[in-house]
Amino acid sequence: MWKIIFTSFWIVFIAELGDKTQLQTMLLATQTKSIWGVFIGASLALVLSALIGVLASTYITKLIPPSYLQFAAGSAFIIIGILTLLDKI
């Protein structure tokens, strides 16, 4: 269980560094005196987002094999990357 916890932590932590969510949170923190409010709100949003992802994946994998989901997710990331490089997004 601890291995899954640490792996999940590091994957999400690294993925979130420097992304638009973190940048938006930093911007919001500069515009308010309630940095703890920003921190708590952003933390709860990330927890809720993770909960939705875990619950959705539990349901979806009963309908669609995980290998198909991995292929679809990988393909979506590649397409988004290409569109980003071409300045289409």
Protein backbone atom coordinates (compact mmCIF):
# COMPACT_ATOMS: atom_id res chain seq x y z
CA MET A 1 0.00 0.00 0.00
CA TRP A 2 2.79 2.48 0.87
CA LYS A 3 4.43 1.91 -2.50
CA ILE A 4 1.19 2.92 -4.26
CA ILE A 5 0.85 6.00 -2.02
CA PHE A 6 4.40 7.18 -2.70
CA THR A 7 4.16 6.41 -6.42
CA SER A 8 0.87 8.29 -6.73
CA PHE A 9 2.26 11.21 -4.75
CA TRP A 10 5.36 11.61 -6.91
CA ILE A 11 3.53 11.16 -10.21
CA VAL A 12 0.96 13.81 -9.33
CA PHE A 13 3.52 16.11 -7.70
CA ILE A 14 5.85 16.08 -10.71
CA ALA A 15 2.96 16.36 -13.20
CA GLU A 16 1.53 19.39 -11.41
CA LEU A 17 4.79 21.35 -11.16
CA GLY A 18 4.70 24.30 -13.51
CA ASP A 19 1.39 23.39 -15.12
CA LYS A 20 -1.40 25.88 -15.72
CA THR A 21 -3.14 24.96 -12.46
CA GLN A 22 -0.08 25.77 -10.39
CA LEU A 23 0.51 29.00 -12.30
CA GLN A 24 -3.12 30.03 -11.82
CA THR A 25 -2.88 29.25 -8.10
CA MET A 26 0.27 31.36 -7.85
CA LEU A 27 -1.49 34.23 -9.64
CA LEU A 28 -4.50 33.99 -7.35
CA ALA A 29 -2.23 33.98 -4.28
CA THR A 30 -0.59 37.21 -5.44
CA GLN A 31 -4.00 38.88 -5.74
CA THR A 32 -5.26 38.16 -2.24
CA LYS A 33 -4.13 38.49 1.34
CA SER A 34 -5.68 35.13 2.18
CA ILE A 35 -2.93 32.80 0.96
CA TRP A 36 -4.16 30.07 3.30
CA GLY A 37 -7.59 30.34 1.70
CA VAL A 38 -6.00 29.87 -1.72
CA PHE A 39 -3.96 26.94 -0.42
CA ILE A 40 -6.96 25.21 1.18
CA GLY A 41 -9.20 25.82 -1.83
CA ALA A 42 -6.59 24.59 -4.31
CA SER A 43 -5.82 21.55 -2.13
CA LEU A 44 -9.47 20.59 -1.85
CA ALA A 45 -9.89 21.01 -5.61
CA LEU A 46 -6.96 18.65 -6.27
CA VAL A 47 -8.30 16.11 -3.76
CA LEU A 48 -11.78 16.23 -5.33
CA SER A 49 -10.31 15.95 -8.81
CA ALA A 50 -8.27 12.90 -7.75
CA LEU A 51 -11.33 11.33 -6.10
CA ILE A 52 -13.39 11.77 -9.27
CA GLY A 53 -10.56 10.24 -11.31
CA VAL A 54 -10.26 7.21 -9.03
CA LEU A 55 -14.01 6.61 -8.84
CA ALA A 56 -14.49 7.12 -12.58
CA SER A 57 -11.65 4.76 -13.43
CA THR A 58 -13.09 2.11 -11.12
CA TYR A 59 -16.38 2.27 -13.01
CA ILE A 60 -14.95 2.71 -16.52
CA THR A 61 -12.53 -0.24 -16.24
CA LYS A 62 -15.54 -2.50 -15.65
CA LEU A 63 -16.79 -1.51 -19.11
CA ILE A 64 -13.57 -0.93 -21.07
CA PRO A 65 -10.32 -2.92 -20.74
CA PRO A 66 -7.48 -0.91 -19.11
CA SER A 67 -5.22 -1.48 -22.14
CA TYR A 68 -7.73 0.37 -24.35
CA LEU A 69 -7.89 3.22 -21.86
CA GLN A 70 -4.09 3.47 -21.74
CA PHE A 71 -3.92 3.57 -25.52
CA ALA A 72 -6.65 6.23 -25.70
CA ALA A 73 -5.02 8.36 -23.00
CA GLY A 74 -1.59 8.08 -24.62
CA SER A 75 -3.03 8.97 -28.02
CA ALA A 76 -4.86 11.97 -26.56
CA PHE A 77 -1.65 13.26 -24.96
CA ILE A 78 0.23 12.87 -28.23
CA ILE A 79 -2.48 14.68 -30.17
CA ILE A 80 -2.64 17.49 -27.62
CA GLY A 81 1.17 17.77 -27.72
CA ILE A 82 1.21 17.99 -31.51
CA LEU A 83 -1.58 20.58 -31.52
CA THR A 84 0.28 22.57 -28.89
CA LEU A 85 3.48 22.50 -30.94
CA LEU A 86 1.54 23.64 -34.00
CA ASP A 87 0.02 26.47 -31.90
CA LYS A 88 -3.51 25.19 -32.53
CA ILE A 89 -4.45 25.10 -28.83
